[in-house]
Structures are given as C-alpha cells and as structure tokens.
Amino acid sequence: MIGRNILVFVIISIIINTSNATTYMYILAQEWVGSVCKVEPSCPFMGHYDGQRWNLHGLWPNTQLTSSCGSIQYCRTDPYDSSKIYQKTKDLLDVVWNGLYSDTETFRGYEWEKHGTCYPGEVSQNYFFQTAGGLAQKYNYYEILAKAGIYPDNTRQLFENDIRNAFAQVLGSNVKITFSCFKDQVTGKYLLGQLKICFDESLQIRTCNCKLNDEEIDLEKQLNYSQYQAQPLVSCGSVFYYPEL
C-alpha cells in the first residue's frame, strides 16, 4: 500500500509540474517600410534596406499560459553590446533589421534588452540576433505576398482573406497569422503596417492563437508603444492598402 501511495504521489507530482511548465511561443514581427514612412514622414535610418523585404521589428518570446499571452519583458540584466555580435551576423542585420525612424543600433539594443533577455537558456546576444535575422531571411514577407500576386500598390484595395490566403500558401492552411495597420491621419486609409508569424519552442511554424482580454490589451499597448514605433498599430478594418515605397 505504501508503495502504491508513493507511486500515486509521483504521478500526481509529474502532472502538476507538467501543467505548470512554461512553454514558449516566438513571435516574428516585421513592418512594411512603405507604411511606416507614410505615417512617419522622415525615415532617415534606412541602412542597407533594399526594398525587397519587410523590416524586422523583433523576435519576441512569449509564455503561453492558460489565462493570457504571458508577455515577458526585461527578464535579466544584460546590456546590449554590439561587440558581442559577430560580423557575419551584423551583415545580415544590416539588411533585415534597420531602425527606420530611430537610430538602428539604439533600436536593436532596445529590442535585445526588452525581448532578447527573455529568450530561454540565457542565450548570447549573437545567437539571438542571428536567429532573428535568419528567420527574417527565411520568411520574407514581401516574397510571400508577391507569390500570391500582391505587390505594393497605392490604389489596390486589400481584404483580410487576401493576406491570410497568401501566407496559407506558404505556411499551411491551418496556420493563422496576425497583422495590423497604421491609420493615415491625412487620408483616413488603413495601411498594412505589421505582420506576425509564430513559432513553437523548436522554431517550427505554429498558429498565432494567443489572445488577450481587454485589460491585457490595454496593458500591452502601454508596454509596447514607445519612441521605437511610428503611430500606434490598429485593426485594419474591412479594407486596407499596401502602399508603395
């Protein structure tokens, strides 16, 4: 009987520990430069941007808890130091990750300290940026949209299914993405601004199914809106545009 009780205790402990185990979802967020530079008239920090890709905003580790998205930020003290990043990684970043409306190095440092420090395993700065840059190269949002015949066009009206179907052709029909827009304060048009795809802990594509309640949405806006962003991102509405550069 004692042996059975011990076995039951062990099984229960395993179940509890498993249910409380932290799992991660990584969010790869990229911004469309044409939209950013429409709502933020001066885009001086273009770096080596070639116009054939979206600009990397960040790779964000999020814990997946039952009640919320479990957004995690500033997890450990490890100040950004560009000398810790290999030249090969820097060359990649110069193509995929520019500041646009803020100093590029400052922006990358901000993203590292806010999100990179939350990458599990306390990875190095070079590993984080190499991983983020590699994913941005592999999942080129400009090319994914182009394969579906969607190119920057100031006059073409787009609808939600246009974007979802374009990414479904590449990621799979069961994978959901999320995207949002800037609202042009002059024309009132919604401009496709940021798009996110998500990965599991093995960096395999998964659905972005993390949903916030209203209170958490307000908190997320407060936490994530900063000088390293143009105007606040909003829902794209029923019709939106993918503006030219």
C-alpha atoms as a PDB file:
ATOM      1  CA  MET A   1       0.000   0.000   0.000  1.00  0.00           C
ATOM      2  CA  ILE A   2       2.850   2.370   0.871  1.00  0.00           C
ATOM      3  CA  GLY A   3       4.488   1.664  -2.465  1.00  0.00           C
ATOM      4  CA  ARG A   4       1.232   2.362  -4.291  1.00  0.00           C
ATOM      5  CA  ASN A   5       0.768   5.661  -2.422  1.00  0.00           C
ATOM      6  CA  ILE A   6       4.287   6.720  -3.338  1.00  0.00           C
ATOM      7  CA  LEU A   7       3.639   5.855  -6.981  1.00  0.00           C
ATOM      8  CA  VAL A   8       0.394   7.849  -6.983  1.00  0.00           C
ATOM      9  CA  PHE A   9       2.190  10.803  -5.366  1.00  0.00           C
ATOM     10  CA  VAL A  10       4.929  10.690  -8.006  1.00  0.00           C
ATOM     11  CA  ILE A  11       2.401  10.570 -10.858  1.00  0.00           C
ATOM     12  CA  ILE A  12       0.422  13.491  -9.420  1.00  0.00           C
ATOM     13  CA  SER A  13       3.624  15.494  -8.977  1.00  0.00           C
ATOM     14  CA  ILE A  14       4.600  14.881 -12.586  1.00  0.00           C
ATOM     15  CA  ILE A  15       1.161  16.006 -13.780  1.00  0.00           C
ATOM     16  CA  ILE A  16       1.289  19.174 -11.665  1.00  0.00           C
ATOM     17  CA  ASN A  17       4.804  20.043 -12.770  1.00  0.00           C
ATOM     18  CA  THR A  18       3.943  19.396 -16.400  1.00  0.00           C
ATOM     19  CA  SER A  19       0.846  21.576 -16.246  1.00  0.00           C
ATOM     20  CA  ASN A  20       2.849  24.398 -14.665  1.00  0.00           C
ATOM     21  CA  ALA A  21       5.763  24.061 -17.060  1.00  0.00           C
ATOM     22  CA  THR A  22       6.467  27.165 -19.086  1.00  0.00           C
ATOM     23  CA  THR A  23       6.095  26.785 -22.817  1.00  0.00           C
ATOM     24  CA  TYR A  24       7.174  29.421 -25.265  1.00  0.00           C
ATOM     25  CA  MET A  25       5.846  30.907 -28.440  1.00  0.00           C
ATOM     26  CA  TYR A  26       8.149  33.092 -30.507  1.00  0.00           C
ATOM     27  CA  ILE A  27       6.605  35.939 -32.463  1.00  0.00           C
ATOM     28  CA  LEU A  28       8.421  37.224 -35.545  1.00  0.00           C
ATOM     29  CA  ALA A  29       7.166  40.754 -36.150  1.00  0.00           C
ATOM     30  CA  GLN A  30       8.044  42.645 -39.323  1.00  0.00           C
ATOM     31  CA  GLU A  31       6.918  46.076 -40.523  1.00  0.00           C
ATOM     32  CA  TRP A  32       6.221  47.296 -44.011  1.00  0.00           C
ATOM     33  CA  VAL A  33       8.577  50.211 -44.680  1.00  0.00           C
ATOM     34  CA  GLY A  34       6.220  51.847 -47.182  1.00  0.00           C
ATOM     35  CA  SER A  35       3.583  52.245 -44.480  1.00  0.00           C
ATOM     36  CA  VAL A  36       5.988  53.304 -41.737  1.00  0.00           C
ATOM     37  CA  CYS A  37       7.432  56.063 -43.905  1.00  0.00           C
ATOM     38  CA  LYS A  38       3.972  57.280 -44.867  1.00  0.00           C
ATOM     39  CA  VAL A  39       2.857  57.856 -41.289  1.00  0.00           C
ATOM     40  CA  GLU A  40       6.328  58.840 -40.073  1.00  0.00           C
ATOM     41  CA  PRO A  41       7.421  61.247 -42.852  1.00  0.00           C
ATOM     42  CA  SER A  42      11.134  61.070 -42.115  1.00  0.00           C
ATOM     43  CA  CYS A  43      12.733  57.624 -42.341  1.00  0.00           C
ATOM     44  CA  PRO A  44      16.426  58.503 -42.063  1.00  0.00           C
ATOM     45  CA  PHE A  45      17.729  55.211 -40.677  1.00  0.00           C
ATOM     46  CA  MET A  46      17.318  53.013 -43.745  1.00  0.00           C
ATOM     47  CA  GLY A  47      20.715  51.300 -43.531  1.00  0.00           C
ATOM     48  CA  HIS A  48      21.134  48.773 -46.350  1.00  0.00           C
ATOM     49  CA  TYR A  49      17.392  48.322 -46.861  1.00  0.00           C
ATOM     50  CA  ASP A  50      16.834  47.029 -50.404  1.00  0.00           C
ATOM     51  CA  GLY A  51      13.071  47.469 -50.802  1.00  0.00           C
ATOM     52  CA  GLN A  52      12.568  43.735 -51.366  1.00  0.00           C
ATOM     53  CA  ARG A  53      11.562  42.790 -47.842  1.00  0.00           C
ATOM     54  CA  TRP A  54       9.740  43.974 -44.775  1.00  0.00           C
ATOM     55  CA  ASN A  55      11.846  45.346 -41.937  1.00  0.00           C
ATOM     56  CA  LEU A  56      12.324  43.210 -38.854  1.00  0.00           C
ATOM     57  CA  HIS A  57      10.702  44.660 -35.751  1.00  0.00           C
ATOM     58  CA  GLY A  58      11.694  41.876 -33.401  1.00  0.00           C
ATOM     59  CA  LEU A  59      11.609  38.269 -32.271  1.00  0.00           C
ATOM     60  CA  TRP A  60       9.559  38.128 -29.100  1.00  0.00           C
ATOM     61  CA  PRO A  61       9.486  35.170 -26.681  1.00  0.00           C
ATOM     62  CA  ASN A  62       6.058  34.844 -25.069  1.00  0.00           C
ATOM     63  CA  THR A  63       4.991  32.313 -22.484  1.00  0.00           C
ATOM     64  CA  GLN A  64       1.750  30.558 -23.277  1.00  0.00           C
ATOM     65  CA  LEU A  65      -0.357  30.476 -20.131  1.00  0.00           C
ATOM     66  CA  THR A  66      -3.985  29.460 -19.875  1.00  0.00           C
ATOM     67  CA  SER A  67      -5.322  32.899 -18.980  1.00  0.00           C
ATOM     68  CA  SER A  68      -3.243  35.220 -21.151  1.00  0.00           C
ATOM     69  CA  CYS A  69      -0.494  35.578 -23.709  1.00  0.00           C
ATOM     70  CA  GLY A  70       2.053  35.758 -20.914  1.00  0.00           C
ATOM     71  CA  SER A  71       4.088  38.541 -22.496  1.00  0.00           C
ATOM     72  CA  ILE A  72       7.516  38.645 -20.867  1.00  0.00           C
ATOM     73  CA  GLN A  73       9.948  41.543 -20.943  1.00  0.00           C
ATOM     74  CA  TYR A  74      13.247  42.643 -19.385  1.00  0.00           C
ATOM     75  CA  CYS A  75      13.919  39.213 -17.899  1.00  0.00           C
ATOM     76  CA  ARG A  76      17.569  39.670 -16.950  1.00  0.00           C
ATOM     77  CA  THR A  77      20.218  42.365 -16.854  1.00  0.00           C
ATOM     78  CA  ASP A  78      22.455  42.031 -19.878  1.00  0.00           C
ATOM     79  CA  PRO A  79      23.063  45.420 -21.542  1.00  0.00           C
ATOM     80  CA  TYR A  80      23.280  45.459 -25.319  1.00  0.00           C
ATOM     81  CA  ASP A  81      26.858  45.332 -26.573  1.00  0.00           C
ATOM     82  CA  SER A  82      27.378  45.309 -30.329  1.00  0.00           C
ATOM     83  CA  SER A  83      30.925  43.986 -29.846  1.00  0.00           C
ATOM     84  CA  LYS A  84      29.365  40.684 -28.785  1.00  0.00           C
ATOM     85  CA  ILE A  85      27.746  40.273 -32.199  1.00  0.00           C
ATOM     86  CA  TYR A  86      29.801  38.596 -34.920  1.00  0.00           C
ATOM     87  CA  GLN A  87      30.437  40.490 -38.140  1.00  0.00           C
ATOM     88  CA  LYS A  88      28.568  37.887 -40.194  1.00  0.00           C
ATOM     89  CA  THR A  89      25.507  38.450 -38.015  1.00  0.00           C
ATOM     90  CA  LYS A  90      25.863  42.225 -38.297  1.00  0.00           C
ATOM     91  CA  ASP A  91      25.990  41.962 -42.083  1.00  0.00           C
ATOM     92  CA  LEU A  92      22.720  40.036 -42.007  1.00  0.00           C
ATOM     93  CA  LEU A  93      21.102  42.507 -39.608  1.00  0.00           C
ATOM     94  CA  ASP A  94      22.088  45.439 -41.788  1.00  0.00           C
ATOM     95  CA  VAL A  95      19.842  44.022 -44.494  1.00  0.00           C
ATOM     96  CA  VAL A  96      16.840  42.814 -42.475  1.00  0.00           C
ATOM     97  CA  TRP A  97      16.771  44.973 -39.344  1.00  0.00           C
ATOM     98  CA  ASN A  98      17.042  48.754 -39.626  1.00  0.00           C
ATOM     99  CA  GLY A  99      15.840  51.468 -37.285  1.00  0.00           C
ATOM    100  CA  LEU A 100      13.761  53.332 -39.894  1.00  0.00           C
ATOM    101  CA  TYR A 101      12.515  56.094 -37.581  1.00  0.00           C
ATOM    102  CA  SER A 102      15.066  55.705 -34.810  1.00  0.00           C
ATOM    103  CA  ASP A 103      18.780  55.059 -34.652  1.00  0.00           C
ATOM    104  CA  THR A 104      19.362  51.475 -35.779  1.00  0.00           C
ATOM    105  CA  GLU A 105      21.839  50.460 -33.069  1.00  0.00           C
ATOM    106  CA  THR A 106      19.682  52.035 -30.379  1.00  0.00           C
ATOM    107  CA  PHE A 107      16.625  50.202 -31.675  1.00  0.00           C
ATOM    108  CA  ARG A 108      18.366  46.832 -31.783  1.00  0.00           C
ATOM    109  CA  GLY A 109      19.677  47.404 -28.272  1.00  0.00           C
ATOM    110  CA  TYR A 110      16.188  48.216 -27.060  1.00  0.00           C
ATOM    111  CA  GLU A 111      14.807  45.028 -28.608  1.00  0.00           C
ATOM    112  CA  TRP A 112      17.580  42.919 -27.071  1.00  0.00           C
ATOM    113  CA  GLU A 113      17.139  44.299 -23.561  1.00  0.00           C
ATOM    114  CA  LYS A 114      13.342  44.156 -23.701  1.00  0.00           C
ATOM    115  CA  HIS A 115      12.812  40.841 -25.505  1.00  0.00           C
ATOM    116  CA  GLY A 116      16.120  39.117 -26.184  1.00  0.00           C
ATOM    117  CA  THR A 117      16.893  38.827 -22.480  1.00  0.00           C
ATOM    118  CA  CYS A 118      13.754  36.700 -22.179  1.00  0.00           C
ATOM    119  CA  TYR A 119      14.925  34.104 -24.679  1.00  0.00           C
ATOM    120  CA  PRO A 120      15.122  30.837 -22.703  1.00  0.00           C
ATOM    121  CA  GLY A 121      18.504  29.456 -21.860  1.00  0.00           C
ATOM    122  CA  GLU A 122      20.045  32.896 -21.412  1.00  0.00           C
ATOM    123  CA  VAL A 123      21.383  32.801 -24.951  1.00  0.00           C
ATOM    124  CA  SER A 124      24.103  35.113 -26.195  1.00  0.00           C
ATOM    125  CA  GLN A 125      23.339  38.340 -27.984  1.00  0.00           C
ATOM    126  CA  ASN A 126      24.856  36.966 -31.162  1.00  0.00           C
ATOM    127  CA  TYR A 127      22.644  33.858 -31.006  1.00  0.00           C
ATOM    128  CA  PHE A 128      19.511  35.931 -30.526  1.00  0.00           C
ATOM    129  CA  PHE A 129      20.220  38.294 -33.398  1.00  0.00           C
ATOM    130  CA  GLN A 130      21.457  35.526 -35.659  1.00  0.00           C
ATOM    131  CA  THR A 131      18.254  33.571 -35.011  1.00  0.00           C
ATOM    132  CA  ALA A 132      16.008  36.593 -35.560  1.00  0.00           C
ATOM    133  CA  GLY A 133      17.829  37.611 -38.722  1.00  0.00           C
ATOM    134  CA  GLY A 134      17.817  34.065 -40.069  1.00  0.00           C
ATOM    135  CA  LEU A 135      14.064  33.756 -39.598  1.00  0.00           C
ATOM    136  CA  ALA A 136      13.517  37.105 -41.297  1.00  0.00           C
ATOM    137  CA  GLN A 137      15.548  35.867 -44.268  1.00  0.00           C
ATOM    138  CA  LYS A 138      13.719  32.562 -44.424  1.00  0.00           C
ATOM    139  CA  TYR A 139      10.266  34.087 -44.071  1.00  0.00           C
ATOM    140  CA  ASN A 140      10.479  37.099 -46.360  1.00  0.00           C
ATOM    141  CA  TYR A 141       7.013  38.641 -46.081  1.00  0.00           C
ATOM    142  CA  TYR A 142       7.488  40.650 -49.276  1.00  0.00           C
ATOM    143  CA  GLU A 143       8.167  37.473 -51.260  1.00  0.00           C
ATOM    144  CA  ILE A 144       5.311  35.580 -49.620  1.00  0.00           C
ATOM    145  CA  LEU A 145       2.839  38.274 -50.656  1.00  0.00           C
ATOM    146  CA  ALA A 146       4.406  38.572 -54.120  1.00  0.00           C
ATOM    147  CA  LYS A 147       3.898  34.838 -54.737  1.00  0.00           C
ATOM    148  CA  ALA A 148       0.184  35.500 -54.317  1.00  0.00           C
ATOM    149  CA  GLY A 149       0.324  38.431 -56.739  1.00  0.00           C
ATOM    150  CA  ILE A 150       0.212  41.055 -54.001  1.00  0.00           C
ATOM    151  CA  TYR A 151       2.696  43.877 -54.546  1.00  0.00           C
ATOM    152  CA  PRO A 152       2.884  47.367 -53.044  1.00  0.00           C
ATOM    153  CA  ASP A 153       0.207  49.423 -54.764  1.00  0.00           C
ATOM    154  CA  ASN A 154      -1.203  52.723 -53.548  1.00  0.00           C
ATOM    155  CA  THR A 155      -4.602  52.140 -55.142  1.00  0.00           C
ATOM    156  CA  ARG A 156      -5.301  48.402 -54.748  1.00  0.00           C
ATOM    157  CA  GLN A 157      -7.827  47.609 -52.050  1.00  0.00           C
ATOM    158  CA  LEU A 158      -6.972  44.590 -49.926  1.00  0.00           C
ATOM    159  CA  PHE A 159      -9.100  42.433 -47.681  1.00  0.00           C
ATOM    160  CA  GLU A 160      -8.276  40.165 -44.758  1.00  0.00           C
ATOM    161  CA  ASN A 161      -8.530  36.963 -46.776  1.00  0.00           C
ATOM    162  CA  ASP A 162      -6.064  38.297 -49.351  1.00  0.00           C
ATOM    163  CA  ILE A 163      -3.323  38.367 -46.715  1.00  0.00           C
ATOM    164  CA  ARG A 164      -4.337  35.176 -44.939  1.00  0.00           C
ATOM    165  CA  ASN A 165      -4.561  33.182 -48.158  1.00  0.00           C
ATOM    166  CA  ALA A 166      -1.154  34.426 -49.314  1.00  0.00           C
ATOM    167  CA  PHE A 167       0.509  33.187 -46.133  1.00  0.00           C
ATOM    168  CA  ALA A 168      -1.527  29.970 -46.077  1.00  0.00           C
ATOM    169  CA  GLN A 169       0.047  29.030 -49.424  1.00  0.00           C
ATOM    170  CA  VAL A 170       3.477  29.099 -47.760  1.00  0.00           C
ATOM    171  CA  LEU A 171       2.853  28.267 -44.106  1.00  0.00           C
ATOM    172  CA  GLY A 172      -0.072  25.883 -44.488  1.00  0.00           C
ATOM    173  CA  SER A 173      -3.816  26.339 -44.453  1.00  0.00           C
ATOM    174  CA  ASN A 174      -4.103  25.529 -40.736  1.00  0.00           C
ATOM    175  CA  VAL A 175      -1.642  28.212 -39.613  1.00  0.00           C
ATOM    176  CA  LYS A 176      -3.065  31.552 -38.559  1.00  0.00           C
ATOM    177  CA  ILE A 177      -1.109  34.785 -38.660  1.00  0.00           C
ATOM    178  CA  THR A 178      -1.860  38.188 -37.180  1.00  0.00           C
ATOM    179  CA  PHE A 179      -1.484  41.587 -38.797  1.00  0.00           C
ATOM    180  CA  SER A 180      -2.346  45.198 -38.071  1.00  0.00           C
ATOM    181  CA  CYS A 181      -2.360  48.583 -39.743  1.00  0.00           C
ATOM    182  CA  PHE A 182      -1.448  52.214 -39.338  1.00  0.00           C
ATOM    183  CA  LYS A 183      -4.186  54.738 -39.998  1.00  0.00           C
ATOM    184  CA  ASP A 184      -3.127  57.543 -42.297  1.00  0.00           C
ATOM    185  CA  GLN A 185      -4.261  60.674 -40.481  1.00  0.00           C
ATOM    186  CA  VAL A 186      -4.470  62.645 -43.749  1.00  0.00           C
ATOM    187  CA  THR A 187      -6.388  60.245 -45.989  1.00  0.00           C
ATOM    188  CA  GLY A 188      -8.064  58.117 -43.318  1.00  0.00           C
ATOM    189  CA  LYS A 189      -6.897  54.978 -45.127  1.00  0.00           C
ATOM    190  CA  TYR A 190      -5.618  51.933 -43.275  1.00  0.00           C
ATOM    191  CA  LEU A 191      -2.099  50.932 -44.308  1.00  0.00           C
ATOM    192  CA  LEU A 192      -0.776  47.429 -43.779  1.00  0.00           C
ATOM    193  CA  GLY A 193       1.802  48.046 -41.082  1.00  0.00           C
ATOM    194  CA  GLN A 194       2.934  44.993 -39.128  1.00  0.00           C
ATOM    195  CA  LEU A 195       2.563  41.277 -39.636  1.00  0.00           C
ATOM    196  CA  LYS A 196       3.443  38.453 -37.272  1.00  0.00           C
ATOM    197  CA  ILE A 197       4.023  34.756 -37.696  1.00  0.00           C
ATOM    198  CA  CYS A 198       4.666  32.468 -34.747  1.00  0.00           C
ATOM    199  CA  PHE A 199       6.928  29.561 -33.859  1.00  0.00           C
ATOM    200  CA  ASP A 200       6.989  26.886 -31.213  1.00  0.00           C
ATOM    201  CA  GLU A 201       9.970  26.164 -28.959  1.00  0.00           C
ATOM    202  CA  SER A 202      11.693  24.270 -31.779  1.00  0.00           C
ATOM    203  CA  LEU A 203      11.203  27.255 -34.088  1.00  0.00           C
ATOM    204  CA  GLN A 204       8.643  25.361 -36.148  1.00  0.00           C
ATOM    205  CA  ILE A 205       5.731  27.353 -37.549  1.00  0.00           C
ATOM    206  CA  ARG A 206       2.636  27.355 -35.371  1.00  0.00           C
ATOM    207  CA  THR A 207      -0.598  29.313 -35.198  1.00  0.00           C
ATOM    208  CA  CYS A 208      -0.585  32.722 -33.551  1.00  0.00           C
ATOM    209  CA  ASN A 209      -3.538  31.878 -31.327  1.00  0.00           C
ATOM    210  CA  CYS A 210      -2.589  33.884 -28.279  1.00  0.00           C
ATOM    211  CA  LYS A 211      -5.494  36.132 -27.312  1.00  0.00           C
ATOM    212  CA  LEU A 212      -5.581  38.912 -24.739  1.00  0.00           C
ATOM    213  CA  ASN A 213      -8.573  40.067 -22.751  1.00  0.00           C
ATOM    214  CA  ASP A 214      -9.481  43.782 -22.831  1.00  0.00           C
ATOM    215  CA  GLU A 215      -7.496  44.641 -19.715  1.00  0.00           C
ATOM    216  CA  GLU A 216      -4.410  42.868 -21.022  1.00  0.00           C
ATOM    217  CA  ILE A 217      -4.742  44.551 -24.431  1.00  0.00           C
ATOM    218  CA  ASP A 218      -4.618  47.969 -22.743  1.00  0.00           C
ATOM    219  CA  LEU A 219      -1.558  46.887 -20.760  1.00  0.00           C
ATOM    220  CA  GLU A 220       0.160  45.551 -23.880  1.00  0.00           C
ATOM    221  CA  LYS A 221      -0.377  48.879 -25.633  1.00  0.00           C
ATOM    222  CA  GLN A 222       1.184  50.734 -22.698  1.00  0.00           C
ATOM    223  CA  LEU A 223       4.147  48.353 -22.543  1.00  0.00           C
ATOM    224  CA  ASN A 224       4.867  48.114 -26.239  1.00  0.00           C
ATOM    225  CA  TYR A 225       4.263  51.632 -27.544  1.00  0.00           C
ATOM    226  CA  SER A 226       7.483  53.616 -27.469  1.00  0.00           C
ATOM    227  CA  GLN A 227       9.679  56.013 -29.381  1.00  0.00           C
ATOM    228  CA  TYR A 228      10.775  52.984 -31.394  1.00  0.00           C
ATOM    229  CA  GLN A 229       7.431  52.793 -33.132  1.00  0.00           C
ATOM    230  CA  ALA A 230       5.561  55.065 -35.505  1.00  0.00           C
ATOM    231  CA  GLN A 231       1.897  55.732 -34.835  1.00  0.00           C
ATOM    232  CA  PRO A 232       0.027  53.082 -32.822  1.00  0.00           C
ATOM    233  CA  LEU A 233      -0.990  49.975 -34.737  1.00  0.00           C
ATOM    234  CA  VAL A 234      -4.708  49.330 -35.054  1.00  0.00           C
ATOM    235  CA  SER A 235      -7.068  46.822 -36.629  1.00  0.00           C
ATOM    236  CA  CYS A 236      -7.014  47.043 -40.426  1.00  0.00           C
ATOM    237  CA  GLY A 237     -10.771  47.320 -40.795  1.00  0.00           C
ATOM    238  CA  SER A 238     -12.600  45.862 -43.774  1.00  0.00           C
ATOM    239  CA  VAL A 239     -10.421  47.470 -46.467  1.00  0.00           C
ATOM    240  CA  PHE A 240      -6.768  48.473 -46.336  1.00  0.00           C
ATOM    241  CA  TYR A 241      -3.781  49.230 -48.568  1.00  0.00           C
ATOM    242  CA  TYR A 242      -0.208  48.013 -49.099  1.00  0.00           C
ATOM    243  CA  PRO A 243       1.441  51.295 -50.136  1.00  0.00           C
ATOM    244  CA  GLU A 244       4.381  51.746 -52.437  1.00  0.00           C
ATOM    245  CA  LEU A 245       7.730  52.847 -51.059  1.00  0.00           C
END
